[in-house]
N, C-alpha and C. Protein backbone atom coordinates (compact mmCIF):
# COMPACT_ATOMS: atom_id res chain seq x y z
N MET A 1 0.81 -1.19 0.00
CA MET A 1 0.00 0.00 0.00
C MET A 1 0.87 1.26 0.00
N VAL A 2 1.98 1.24 0.67
CA VAL A 2 2.89 2.38 0.67
C VAL A 2 3.47 2.58 -0.72
N PHE A 3 3.75 1.48 -1.42
CA PHE A 3 4.30 1.57 -2.77
C PHE A 3 3.32 2.27 -3.70
N ALA A 4 2.04 1.97 -3.56
CA ALA A 4 1.03 2.59 -4.42
C ALA A 4 0.97 4.10 -4.19
N ARG A 5 1.05 4.53 -2.94
CA ARG A 5 1.03 5.96 -2.66
C ARG A 5 2.29 6.64 -3.17
N THR A 6 3.43 5.99 -3.02
CA THR A 6 4.67 6.57 -3.51
C THR A 6 4.63 6.70 -5.03
N THR A 7 4.13 5.71 -5.71
CA THR A 7 4.02 5.77 -7.15
C THR A 7 3.05 6.86 -7.58
N HIS A 8 1.97 7.04 -6.84
CA HIS A 8 1.01 8.09 -7.14
C HIS A 8 1.67 9.46 -7.04
N PHE A 9 2.46 9.68 -6.01
CA PHE A 9 3.18 10.94 -5.87
C PHE A 9 4.22 11.10 -6.98
N ASP A 10 4.81 10.01 -7.41
CA ASP A 10 5.75 10.09 -8.52
C ASP A 10 5.07 10.58 -9.79
N TYR A 11 3.87 10.11 -10.04
CA TYR A 11 3.11 10.57 -11.21
C TYR A 11 2.78 12.05 -11.10
N VAL A 12 2.32 12.47 -9.94
CA VAL A 12 1.97 13.87 -9.74
C VAL A 12 3.19 14.75 -9.94
N THR A 13 4.31 14.36 -9.37
CA THR A 13 5.54 15.12 -9.52
C THR A 13 5.99 15.17 -10.97
N PHE A 14 5.89 14.04 -11.66
CA PHE A 14 6.29 13.98 -13.06
C PHE A 14 5.42 14.88 -13.94
N PHE A 15 4.10 14.84 -13.74
CA PHE A 15 3.21 15.66 -14.56
C PHE A 15 3.40 17.14 -14.27
N CYS A 16 3.57 17.49 -13.01
CA CYS A 16 3.83 18.89 -12.66
C CYS A 16 5.16 19.37 -13.23
N SER A 17 6.15 18.51 -13.20
CA SER A 17 7.46 18.91 -13.72
C SER A 17 7.43 19.10 -15.24
N ILE A 18 6.64 18.31 -15.96
CA ILE A 18 6.50 18.52 -17.41
C ILE A 18 5.86 19.87 -17.68
N ILE A 19 4.77 20.14 -16.97
CA ILE A 19 4.06 21.41 -17.18
C ILE A 19 4.96 22.59 -16.84
N LEU A 20 5.62 22.54 -15.69
CA LEU A 20 6.46 23.66 -15.29
C LEU A 20 7.71 23.78 -16.14
N ALA A 21 8.25 22.68 -16.62
CA ALA A 21 9.43 22.75 -17.48
C ALA A 21 9.11 23.46 -18.79
N ILE A 22 7.96 23.16 -19.36
CA ILE A 22 7.57 23.80 -20.61
C ILE A 22 7.31 25.29 -20.38
N ILE A 23 6.59 25.61 -19.32
CA ILE A 23 6.29 27.02 -19.05
C ILE A 23 7.55 27.80 -18.71
N CYS A 24 8.44 27.22 -17.90
CA CYS A 24 9.68 27.91 -17.53
C CYS A 24 10.64 28.03 -18.70
N THR A 25 10.57 27.11 -19.64
CA THR A 25 11.42 27.22 -20.83
C THR A 25 10.94 28.37 -21.71
N ARG A 26 9.64 28.52 -21.82
CA ARG A 26 9.08 29.58 -22.66
C ARG A 26 9.21 30.95 -22.00
N PHE A 27 8.90 31.03 -20.72
CA PHE A 27 8.94 32.29 -19.99
C PHE A 27 9.96 32.16 -18.86
N ARG A 28 11.10 32.78 -18.99
CA ARG A 28 12.23 32.60 -18.07
C ARG A 28 11.93 33.10 -16.65
N ASP A 29 11.09 34.09 -16.51
CA ASP A 29 10.83 34.67 -15.19
C ASP A 29 9.93 33.79 -14.32
N VAL A 30 9.26 32.83 -14.91
CA VAL A 30 8.35 31.98 -14.15
C VAL A 30 9.12 31.14 -13.13
N LEU A 31 10.37 30.84 -13.39
CA LEU A 31 11.17 30.05 -12.46
C LEU A 31 11.27 30.73 -11.09
N MET A 32 11.55 32.01 -11.07
CA MET A 32 11.65 32.73 -9.80
C MET A 32 10.29 32.86 -9.12
N ILE A 33 9.24 33.02 -9.90
CA ILE A 33 7.90 33.08 -9.33
C ILE A 33 7.53 31.75 -8.70
N MET A 34 7.85 30.64 -9.36
CA MET A 34 7.53 29.31 -8.83
C MET A 34 8.32 29.01 -7.56
N GLN A 35 9.55 29.46 -7.48
CA GLN A 35 10.33 29.26 -6.26
C GLN A 35 9.67 29.94 -5.07
N ASN A 36 9.17 31.15 -5.26
CA ASN A 36 8.50 31.85 -4.18
C ASN A 36 7.15 31.22 -3.85
N LEU A 37 6.43 30.77 -4.87
CA LEU A 37 5.13 30.13 -4.63
C LEU A 37 5.28 28.81 -3.88
N LEU A 38 6.35 28.10 -4.12
CA LEU A 38 6.57 26.84 -3.39
C LEU A 38 6.82 27.08 -1.90
N ILE A 39 7.51 28.16 -1.58
CA ILE A 39 7.71 28.49 -0.17
C ILE A 39 6.39 28.85 0.49
N ILE A 40 5.56 29.63 -0.20
CA ILE A 40 4.25 29.99 0.33
C ILE A 40 3.38 28.75 0.46
N ALA A 41 3.41 27.85 -0.52
CA ALA A 41 2.60 26.63 -0.47
C ALA A 41 3.02 25.75 0.70
N PHE A 42 4.28 25.78 1.06
CA PHE A 42 4.74 25.00 2.20
C PHE A 42 4.04 25.44 3.48
N TYR A 43 3.88 26.74 3.65
CA TYR A 43 3.25 27.24 4.88
C TYR A 43 1.74 27.04 4.90
N PHE A 44 1.11 26.99 3.73
CA PHE A 44 -0.33 26.79 3.66
C PHE A 44 -0.74 25.34 3.50
N THR A 45 0.22 24.43 3.54
CA THR A 45 -0.06 23.00 3.43
C THR A 45 0.16 22.37 4.79
N PRO A 46 -0.74 21.49 5.22
CA PRO A 46 -0.60 20.90 6.56
C PRO A 46 0.52 19.87 6.64
N ILE A 47 1.74 20.35 6.63
CA ILE A 47 2.90 19.48 6.79
C ILE A 47 3.31 19.46 8.26
N MET A 48 3.43 20.63 8.84
CA MET A 48 3.82 20.75 10.24
C MET A 48 2.64 20.89 11.18
N TRP A 49 1.45 21.03 10.64
CA TRP A 49 0.25 21.17 11.45
C TRP A 49 -0.86 20.32 10.85
N LYS A 50 -1.90 20.06 11.63
CA LYS A 50 -3.04 19.26 11.18
C LYS A 50 -4.18 20.19 10.79
N THR A 51 -5.02 19.73 9.89
CA THR A 51 -6.17 20.54 9.49
C THR A 51 -7.16 20.70 10.64
N GLU A 52 -7.13 19.80 11.61
CA GLU A 52 -8.03 19.92 12.76
C GLU A 52 -7.65 21.09 13.67
N GLN A 53 -6.44 21.60 13.55
CA GLN A 53 -5.98 22.70 14.38
C GLN A 53 -6.43 24.07 13.85
N VAL A 54 -6.97 24.09 12.64
CA VAL A 54 -7.36 25.34 12.00
C VAL A 54 -8.76 25.73 12.47
N PRO A 55 -9.00 26.99 12.72
CA PRO A 55 -10.36 27.41 13.09
C PRO A 55 -11.35 27.11 11.96
N ALA A 56 -12.59 26.90 12.34
CA ALA A 56 -13.62 26.50 11.36
C ALA A 56 -13.82 27.55 10.27
N ALA A 57 -13.63 28.82 10.61
CA ALA A 57 -13.80 29.87 9.61
C ALA A 57 -12.73 29.82 8.53
N MET A 58 -11.53 29.35 8.86
CA MET A 58 -10.43 29.29 7.90
C MET A 58 -10.35 27.96 7.17
N LEU A 59 -11.06 26.97 7.63
CA LEU A 59 -11.00 25.63 7.04
C LEU A 59 -11.47 25.63 5.59
N HIS A 60 -12.37 26.52 5.27
CA HIS A 60 -12.87 26.62 3.90
C HIS A 60 -11.75 26.96 2.92
N TYR A 61 -10.83 27.82 3.33
CA TYR A 61 -9.75 28.25 2.45
C TYR A 61 -8.69 27.16 2.27
N ILE A 62 -8.52 26.34 3.26
CA ILE A 62 -7.52 25.28 3.18
C ILE A 62 -7.91 24.22 2.16
N ASN A 63 -9.20 24.01 1.98
CA ASN A 63 -9.65 23.01 1.02
C ASN A 63 -9.36 23.38 -0.43
N TYR A 64 -9.00 24.64 -0.69
CA TYR A 64 -8.62 25.05 -2.04
C TYR A 64 -7.19 24.64 -2.39
N ASN A 65 -6.41 24.27 -1.41
CA ASN A 65 -5.03 23.85 -1.63
C ASN A 65 -5.02 22.38 -2.06
N PRO A 66 -4.59 22.06 -3.28
CA PRO A 66 -4.62 20.66 -3.73
C PRO A 66 -3.64 19.77 -2.98
N LEU A 67 -2.59 20.34 -2.40
CA LEU A 67 -1.63 19.51 -1.68
C LEU A 67 -2.20 18.94 -0.40
N VAL A 68 -3.24 19.57 0.14
CA VAL A 68 -3.87 19.09 1.37
C VAL A 68 -4.38 17.66 1.18
N TYR A 69 -4.97 17.39 0.03
CA TYR A 69 -5.56 16.07 -0.21
C TYR A 69 -4.49 15.00 -0.32
N TYR A 70 -3.34 15.35 -0.88
CA TYR A 70 -2.26 14.37 -0.98
C TYR A 70 -1.67 14.05 0.40
N PHE A 71 -1.55 15.07 1.24
CA PHE A 71 -1.04 14.81 2.58
C PHE A 71 -2.08 14.12 3.46
N ASN A 72 -3.36 14.31 3.14
CA ASN A 72 -4.40 13.58 3.86
C ASN A 72 -4.43 12.10 3.48
N ILE A 73 -3.79 11.74 2.41
CA ILE A 73 -3.65 10.32 2.04
C ILE A 73 -2.47 9.70 2.77
N ILE A 74 -1.41 10.46 2.97
CA ILE A 74 -0.19 9.91 3.57
C ILE A 74 -0.25 9.88 5.10
N ARG A 75 -0.73 10.95 5.72
CA ARG A 75 -0.66 11.07 7.18
C ARG A 75 -1.49 10.03 7.94
N PRO A 76 -2.76 9.77 7.60
CA PRO A 76 -3.56 8.83 8.41
C PRO A 76 -2.98 7.42 8.54
N PRO A 77 -2.45 6.80 7.48
CA PRO A 77 -1.86 5.46 7.68
C PRO A 77 -0.67 5.47 8.63
N LEU A 78 0.06 6.57 8.67
CA LEU A 78 1.18 6.66 9.62
C LEU A 78 0.69 6.74 11.06
N LEU A 79 -0.54 7.22 11.23
CA LEU A 79 -1.13 7.32 12.56
C LEU A 79 -2.04 6.14 12.88
N GLY A 80 -2.11 5.16 11.96
CA GLY A 80 -2.92 3.97 12.19
C GLY A 80 -4.38 4.12 11.85
N VAL A 81 -4.71 5.07 10.98
CA VAL A 81 -6.09 5.34 10.58
C VAL A 81 -6.18 5.21 9.07
N MET A 82 -7.34 4.79 8.58
CA MET A 82 -7.54 4.71 7.13
C MET A 82 -7.69 6.11 6.54
N PRO A 83 -7.14 6.36 5.35
CA PRO A 83 -7.32 7.66 4.71
C PRO A 83 -8.77 7.88 4.31
N ASP A 84 -9.14 9.13 4.24
CA ASP A 84 -10.49 9.52 3.86
C ASP A 84 -10.71 9.25 2.37
N LEU A 85 -11.86 8.67 2.03
CA LEU A 85 -12.17 8.35 0.64
C LEU A 85 -12.31 9.62 -0.20
N ARG A 86 -12.79 10.68 0.41
CA ARG A 86 -12.92 11.95 -0.31
C ARG A 86 -11.56 12.47 -0.74
N SER A 87 -10.57 12.39 0.14
CA SER A 87 -9.22 12.85 -0.20
C SER A 87 -8.61 12.01 -1.31
N ILE A 88 -8.85 10.71 -1.27
CA ILE A 88 -8.32 9.83 -2.30
C ILE A 88 -8.94 10.15 -3.65
N SER A 89 -10.25 10.33 -3.69
CA SER A 89 -10.92 10.60 -4.96
C SER A 89 -10.52 11.96 -5.52
N ILE A 90 -10.39 12.96 -4.67
CA ILE A 90 -9.98 14.28 -5.15
C ILE A 90 -8.53 14.25 -5.63
N ALA A 91 -7.66 13.53 -4.93
CA ALA A 91 -6.26 13.42 -5.36
C ALA A 91 -6.14 12.70 -6.70
N LEU A 92 -6.93 11.66 -6.88
CA LEU A 92 -6.91 10.95 -8.17
C LEU A 92 -7.45 11.83 -9.30
N THR A 93 -8.46 12.62 -9.01
CA THR A 93 -9.00 13.54 -10.01
C THR A 93 -7.97 14.60 -10.38
N ILE A 94 -7.29 15.16 -9.40
CA ILE A 94 -6.26 16.15 -9.67
C ILE A 94 -5.13 15.54 -10.49
N THR A 95 -4.76 14.30 -10.18
CA THR A 95 -3.71 13.62 -10.94
C THR A 95 -4.13 13.41 -12.38
N ALA A 96 -5.37 13.01 -12.60
CA ALA A 96 -5.86 12.80 -13.97
C ALA A 96 -5.88 14.12 -14.74
N ILE A 97 -6.28 15.20 -14.09
CA ILE A 97 -6.29 16.50 -14.76
C ILE A 97 -4.87 16.95 -15.09
N LEU A 98 -3.94 16.72 -14.16
CA LEU A 98 -2.54 17.07 -14.44
C LEU A 98 -1.97 16.25 -15.60
N PHE A 99 -2.35 14.98 -15.66
CA PHE A 99 -1.90 14.13 -16.77
C PHE A 99 -2.41 14.67 -18.10
N LEU A 100 -3.70 14.97 -18.17
CA LEU A 100 -4.26 15.48 -19.42
C LEU A 100 -3.66 16.83 -19.80
N LEU A 101 -3.47 17.70 -18.82
CA LEU A 101 -2.88 18.99 -19.09
C LEU A 101 -1.43 18.88 -19.55
N ALA A 102 -0.67 17.99 -18.92
CA ALA A 102 0.74 17.80 -19.30
C ALA A 102 0.86 17.24 -20.71
N MET A 103 0.05 16.24 -21.04
CA MET A 103 0.12 15.66 -22.37
C MET A 103 -0.35 16.63 -23.45
N LEU A 104 -1.39 17.39 -23.15
CA LEU A 104 -1.87 18.39 -24.10
C LEU A 104 -0.82 19.46 -24.35
N LEU A 105 -0.23 19.96 -23.28
CA LEU A 105 0.79 21.00 -23.40
C LEU A 105 2.05 20.48 -24.10
N LEU A 106 2.43 19.25 -23.80
CA LEU A 106 3.62 18.67 -24.43
C LEU A 106 3.38 18.44 -25.92
N ASN A 107 2.21 17.96 -26.28
CA ASN A 107 1.91 17.74 -27.71
C ASN A 107 1.84 19.04 -28.49
N ARG A 108 1.36 20.11 -27.87
CA ARG A 108 1.24 21.38 -28.57
C ARG A 108 2.58 22.10 -28.71
N THR A 109 3.51 21.87 -27.78
CA THR A 109 4.75 22.67 -27.77
C THR A 109 6.01 21.87 -28.06
N ARG A 110 5.91 20.60 -28.32
CA ARG A 110 7.13 19.79 -28.41
C ARG A 110 8.05 20.22 -29.55
N ARG A 111 7.52 20.73 -30.64
CA ARG A 111 8.37 21.14 -31.76
C ARG A 111 9.02 22.51 -31.54
N ARG A 112 8.46 23.30 -30.63
CA ARG A 112 8.98 24.65 -30.41
C ARG A 112 9.94 24.74 -29.22
N ILE A 113 10.04 23.71 -28.42
CA ILE A 113 10.87 23.78 -27.21
C ILE A 113 12.34 24.03 -27.55
N ALA A 114 12.83 23.42 -28.61
CA ALA A 114 14.23 23.62 -29.00
C ALA A 114 14.52 25.07 -29.36
N TYR A 115 13.55 25.78 -29.93
CA TYR A 115 13.75 27.18 -30.27
C TYR A 115 13.71 28.08 -29.05
N TRP A 116 13.00 27.65 -28.02
CA TRP A 116 12.91 28.47 -26.80
C TRP A 116 14.17 28.39 -25.96
N LEU A 117 14.95 27.33 -26.16
CA LEU A 117 16.19 27.18 -25.39
C LEU A 117 17.24 28.11 -25.97
């Protein structure tokens, strides 16, 4: 079961890296923007804190962060609890959307990438 989750994260990372590699190759400034956004995403993702610690008024905003669902798949088995089915289904949907977006973007730009370098 751990292998399946690790492989799922590998797919997500691979699809995101394809999308960001194409965008950063075309627009050079996006690299610095993405570096800053990753630092901000770290603080808004429940890595060092649990979603149960957030006040109810702010919980609505946390659900907009797609990384929350991936960490909700990993954390519960480490604590001896089954992951939430909602988090699994949303994470799989996000992965499928990333796959389609990465393949579409790669097919549209593959001939022009050499010129952008």
